[in-house]
Amino acid sequence: MIRNQSHQQEIVFKGYQSGRVVPDLFALTNISRSSVSQSVNEGIEITTRFVKRSFDILFSSIAILTGLPVFLTLMLITKATSKGPIFYKQERIGRNGEPFYIVKYRSMIVDSEVNGPQLTTDNDPRVTKWGNFMRKTHLDELPQFFNVLVGDMSVVGPRPERAHFIKQIVARQPQYAQLLTLRPGITSIGQVDFGYAETVEEMCQRVLLDLKYLSQINLLTDLKIIGGTIMTMINKKGK
């Protein structure tokens, strides 16, 4: 175990943030990646993991195929209502600390983070008028179904965050490392019951909800969260 912990602390994320290699967050929290992964995975049966991944592939495939007219319409409106690309890509940290690029419809002006990473706030001037509607209805996140298909994400799972904010979260909530053993989700129990966070402190509060998901992972729980997300979209409670 000592040898494994020493080995884990030498691992770094495969990717770069602000021109530097991002340090392994498990090492930063003095938590062994292997021990956390083992404890979490022992609580999730192989059958449950297989069913969850199968559901992700089926659900995302159906969403993309049946929602193709919606996808195309959103693309056209996004392009017509503001200058810049249709899609927005941003590096997030996924399962086992692996960086990946999340894909969304662009809802902000170009170069919205020219001064560095920022969290979105109410009446954020960087958000376009059309982008505001998409964010309230979560329509900007529909392209993430492609992230699910390739295996970077799950339909339901902890919200994927950026390394910049994760390092601040783990300084306050070291148990966040447990969430890195799962594929991040398009939606989550934290997203439904808490919503968007405007500060790191609020992100830490939402983490406590996402940690509860670890003990409740099953298809029924995922369906309930998806149902709650749909109601959030209908009621335009996004941000």
Protein backbone atom coordinates (compact mmCIF):
# COMPACT_ATOMS: atom_id res chain seq x y z
CA MET A 1 0.00 0.00 0.00
CA ILE A 2 2.84 2.42 0.88
CA ARG A 3 4.50 1.72 -2.45
CA ASN A 4 1.22 2.25 -4.30
CA GLN A 5 0.56 5.55 -2.51
CA SER A 6 4.03 6.77 -3.39
CA HIS A 7 3.47 5.76 -6.99
CA GLN A 8 0.10 7.53 -7.13
CA GLN A 9 1.61 10.78 -5.92
CA GLU A 10 3.94 10.79 -8.91
CA ILE A 11 1.09 10.64 -11.42
CA VAL A 12 0.14 13.88 -13.18
CA PHE A 13 -2.88 14.75 -15.27
CA LYS A 14 -2.46 14.11 -18.98
CA GLY A 15 -2.94 17.64 -20.23
CA TYR A 16 -1.94 21.23 -19.72
CA GLN A 17 -3.58 24.15 -18.01
CA SER A 18 -2.24 27.67 -18.52
CA GLY A 19 0.88 26.22 -20.14
CA ARG A 20 1.77 24.01 -17.19
CA VAL A 21 1.20 20.38 -16.36
CA VAL A 22 -1.71 20.18 -13.93
CA PRO A 23 -0.63 18.38 -10.72
CA ASP A 24 -2.47 15.24 -9.72
CA LEU A 25 -5.27 16.30 -7.40
CA PHE A 26 -5.19 13.01 -5.53
CA ALA A 27 -1.62 13.81 -4.53
CA LEU A 28 -2.62 17.32 -3.52
CA THR A 29 -5.22 15.91 -1.13
CA ASN A 30 -2.88 13.20 0.18
CA ILE A 31 -5.47 10.63 -0.89
CA SER A 32 -4.40 7.51 -2.73
CA ARG A 33 -6.09 7.28 -6.12
CA SER A 34 -6.03 3.48 -5.91
CA SER A 35 -7.61 3.35 -2.45
CA VAL A 36 -10.35 5.84 -3.35
CA SER A 37 -11.09 4.12 -6.65
CA GLN A 38 -11.18 0.72 -4.96
CA SER A 39 -13.55 1.84 -2.19
CA VAL A 40 -15.91 3.55 -4.62
CA ASN A 41 -15.89 0.79 -7.20
CA GLU A 42 -16.47 -1.86 -4.55
CA GLY A 43 -19.72 -0.08 -3.78
CA ILE A 44 -20.75 -0.13 -7.43
CA GLU A 45 -21.49 -3.59 -8.78
CA ILE A 46 -20.13 -4.61 -12.18
CA THR A 47 -23.70 -5.10 -13.38
CA THR A 48 -24.60 -1.55 -12.32
CA ARG A 49 -21.60 -0.11 -14.17
CA PHE A 50 -22.48 -2.12 -17.30
CA VAL A 51 -26.14 -1.07 -17.17
CA LYS A 52 -25.18 2.58 -16.63
CA ARG A 53 -22.78 2.67 -19.58
CA SER A 54 -25.26 0.81 -21.82
CA PHE A 55 -27.97 3.27 -20.84
CA ASP A 56 -25.63 6.20 -21.60
CA ILE A 57 -24.96 4.92 -25.12
CA LEU A 58 -28.61 4.15 -25.84
CA PHE A 59 -30.00 7.37 -24.35
CA SER A 60 -27.45 9.66 -26.01
CA SER A 61 -27.87 7.93 -29.38
CA ILE A 62 -31.65 8.35 -29.25
CA ALA A 63 -31.29 11.98 -28.11
CA ILE A 64 -28.97 12.81 -31.01
CA LEU A 65 -30.98 11.01 -33.70
CA THR A 66 -34.45 12.15 -32.64
CA GLY A 67 -33.26 15.62 -31.69
CA LEU A 68 -31.37 16.28 -34.93
CA PRO A 69 -33.85 18.98 -36.11
CA VAL A 70 -33.47 20.72 -32.75
CA PHE A 71 -29.66 20.47 -32.93
CA LEU A 72 -29.66 22.04 -36.40
CA THR A 73 -32.09 24.79 -35.41
CA LEU A 74 -30.00 25.73 -32.40
CA MET A 75 -26.91 25.84 -34.58
CA LEU A 76 -28.56 28.25 -37.04
CA ILE A 77 -29.94 30.56 -34.35
CA THR A 78 -26.65 30.64 -32.46
CA LYS A 79 -24.81 31.58 -35.62
CA ALA A 80 -27.36 34.22 -36.61
CA THR A 81 -27.67 35.97 -33.25
CA SER A 82 -24.04 36.70 -32.40
CA LYS A 83 -20.57 36.77 -33.89
CA GLY A 84 -18.31 33.83 -33.30
CA PRO A 85 -18.29 30.03 -33.64
CA ILE A 86 -21.40 27.93 -33.05
CA PHE A 87 -19.77 25.58 -30.58
CA TYR A 88 -17.71 26.30 -27.51
CA LYS A 89 -15.08 23.88 -26.22
CA GLN A 90 -13.57 24.02 -22.78
CA GLU A 91 -11.17 21.73 -20.95
CA ARG A 92 -12.70 19.93 -17.98
CA ILE A 93 -11.37 17.20 -15.69
CA GLY A 94 -13.05 13.83 -16.10
CA ARG A 95 -12.82 10.31 -14.75
CA ASN A 96 -9.51 9.48 -13.02
CA GLY A 97 -8.36 13.07 -13.50
CA GLU A 98 -8.20 12.80 -17.31
CA PRO A 99 -8.73 16.16 -19.06
CA PHE A 100 -11.22 16.28 -21.92
CA TYR A 101 -12.97 18.97 -23.93
CA ILE A 102 -16.61 19.53 -23.14
CA VAL A 103 -18.73 20.78 -26.07
CA LYS A 104 -21.57 23.29 -25.79
CA TYR A 105 -23.44 25.70 -27.98
CA ARG A 106 -21.74 29.05 -27.48
CA SER A 107 -23.82 31.17 -25.11
CA MET A 108 -21.30 33.94 -24.41
CA ILE A 109 -19.45 36.54 -26.40
CA VAL A 110 -16.12 35.57 -27.92
CA ASP A 111 -13.13 35.86 -25.54
CA SER A 112 -15.46 35.87 -22.54
CA GLU A 113 -12.63 34.70 -20.29
CA VAL A 114 -9.84 36.83 -21.62
CA ASN A 115 -9.06 37.81 -18.01
CA GLY A 116 -8.96 34.21 -16.79
CA PRO A 117 -11.46 31.58 -15.57
CA GLN A 118 -14.68 33.04 -14.17
CA LEU A 119 -17.90 31.58 -12.83
CA THR A 120 -21.18 32.74 -14.34
CA THR A 121 -23.37 35.08 -12.30
CA ASP A 122 -26.93 36.40 -12.60
CA ASN A 123 -27.25 39.00 -15.37
CA ASP A 124 -23.73 38.17 -16.54
CA PRO A 125 -22.90 40.73 -19.29
CA ARG A 126 -20.83 38.11 -21.14
CA VAL A 127 -23.92 36.03 -21.91
CA THR A 128 -25.73 36.83 -25.17
CA LYS A 129 -29.52 37.27 -25.25
CA TRP A 130 -29.97 33.98 -27.10
CA GLY A 131 -27.35 32.39 -24.89
CA ASN A 132 -29.32 33.42 -21.82
CA PHE A 133 -32.36 31.51 -23.11
CA MET A 134 -30.26 28.44 -23.91
CA ARG A 135 -28.63 28.46 -20.48
CA LYS A 136 -31.96 28.79 -18.64
CA THR A 137 -33.34 25.82 -20.59
CA HIS A 138 -30.01 23.91 -20.63
CA LEU A 139 -30.24 23.68 -24.43
CA ASP A 140 -26.62 24.85 -24.69
CA GLU A 141 -25.57 21.52 -23.15
CA LEU A 142 -27.17 19.25 -25.78
CA PRO A 143 -23.88 18.75 -27.70
CA GLN A 144 -22.54 16.99 -24.59
CA PHE A 145 -24.42 13.89 -25.71
CA PHE A 146 -21.51 13.45 -28.13
CA ASN A 147 -19.17 13.56 -25.10
CA VAL A 148 -21.27 10.76 -23.61
CA LEU A 149 -21.07 8.64 -26.76
CA VAL A 150 -17.27 8.73 -26.86
CA GLY A 151 -17.04 7.88 -23.16
CA ASP A 152 -15.82 11.17 -21.70
CA MET A 153 -19.07 11.74 -19.85
CA SER A 154 -22.20 10.03 -18.57
CA VAL A 155 -25.79 11.26 -18.85
CA VAL A 156 -25.91 11.45 -15.04
CA GLY A 157 -22.84 12.00 -12.88
CA PRO A 158 -20.91 14.65 -10.95
CA ARG A 159 -20.61 17.97 -12.72
CA PRO A 160 -17.29 18.26 -14.58
CA GLU A 161 -15.20 21.18 -13.37
CA ARG A 162 -12.05 22.91 -14.50
CA ALA A 163 -8.71 22.21 -12.82
CA HIS A 164 -8.52 25.88 -11.80
CA PHE A 165 -11.60 25.48 -9.61
CA ILE A 166 -11.04 21.86 -8.57
CA LYS A 167 -7.81 22.80 -6.81
CA GLN A 168 -9.76 25.38 -4.79
CA ILE A 169 -12.54 22.90 -4.05
CA VAL A 170 -10.24 20.14 -2.77
CA ALA A 171 -8.54 22.62 -0.46
CA ARG A 172 -11.93 22.94 1.27
CA GLN A 173 -13.50 19.56 0.45
CA PRO A 174 -10.76 16.87 0.04
CA GLN A 175 -13.45 14.20 -0.42
CA TYR A 176 -14.11 15.72 -3.83
CA ALA A 177 -11.42 13.29 -5.04
CA GLN A 178 -13.99 10.51 -4.76
CA LEU A 179 -16.05 12.11 -7.54
CA LEU A 180 -13.09 11.83 -9.90
CA THR A 181 -13.56 8.03 -9.92
CA LEU A 182 -16.79 8.49 -11.93
CA ARG A 183 -17.52 9.80 -15.39
CA PRO A 184 -18.84 13.35 -15.03
CA GLY A 185 -22.44 13.88 -16.12
CA ILE A 186 -24.47 16.20 -18.31
CA THR A 187 -26.71 16.50 -15.27
CA SER A 188 -26.38 15.55 -11.62
CA ILE A 189 -28.25 15.48 -8.33
CA GLY A 190 -26.27 18.56 -7.34
CA GLN A 191 -27.32 20.35 -10.52
CA VAL A 192 -31.00 19.53 -9.95
CA ASP A 193 -31.24 20.10 -6.18
CA PHE A 194 -28.72 22.95 -5.90
CA GLY A 195 -28.27 24.43 -9.35
CA TYR A 196 -25.40 26.50 -10.69
CA ALA A 197 -22.77 27.82 -8.33
CA GLU A 198 -21.51 31.39 -8.50
CA THR A 199 -18.67 30.97 -5.99
CA VAL A 200 -16.23 28.24 -4.93
CA GLU A 201 -18.03 28.09 -1.58
CA GLU A 202 -21.28 27.26 -3.39
CA MET A 203 -19.45 24.68 -5.48
CA CYS A 204 -18.34 23.01 -2.25
CA GLN A 205 -21.94 22.92 -1.02
CA ARG A 206 -23.02 21.26 -4.25
CA VAL A 207 -20.21 18.69 -3.89
CA LEU A 208 -21.90 17.35 -0.75
CA LEU A 209 -24.98 16.49 -2.81
CA ASP A 210 -22.91 14.87 -5.56
CA LEU A 211 -21.12 12.74 -2.95
CA LYS A 212 -24.50 11.29 -1.91
CA TYR A 213 -24.89 10.03 -5.47
CA LEU A 214 -22.02 7.60 -4.88
CA SER A 215 -24.21 5.55 -2.54
CA GLN A 216 -27.27 5.75 -4.79
CA ILE A 217 -25.94 4.83 -8.22
CA ASN A 218 -28.54 2.82 -10.11
CA LEU A 219 -30.76 3.22 -13.15
CA LEU A 220 -33.78 4.35 -11.12
CA THR A 221 -31.78 7.15 -9.47
CA ASP A 222 -30.50 8.28 -12.87
CA LEU A 223 -34.04 8.33 -14.29
CA LYS A 224 -35.25 10.44 -11.36
CA ILE A 225 -32.41 12.93 -11.89
CA ILE A 226 -33.13 13.08 -15.62
CA GLY A 227 -36.80 13.74 -14.82
CA GLY A 228 -35.80 16.53 -12.45
CA THR A 229 -33.55 18.00 -15.13
CA ILE A 230 -36.38 18.03 -17.67
CA MET A 231 -38.56 19.95 -15.19
CA THR A 232 -35.69 22.42 -14.71
CA MET A 233 -35.54 22.92 -18.47
CA ILE A 234 -39.30 23.42 -18.76
CA ASN A 235 -39.35 25.91 -15.87
CA LYS A 236 -36.27 27.70 -17.21
CA LYS A 237 -34.43 27.43 -13.90
CA GLY A 238 -30.99 27.18 -15.45
CA LYS A 239 -28.43 29.98 -15.36
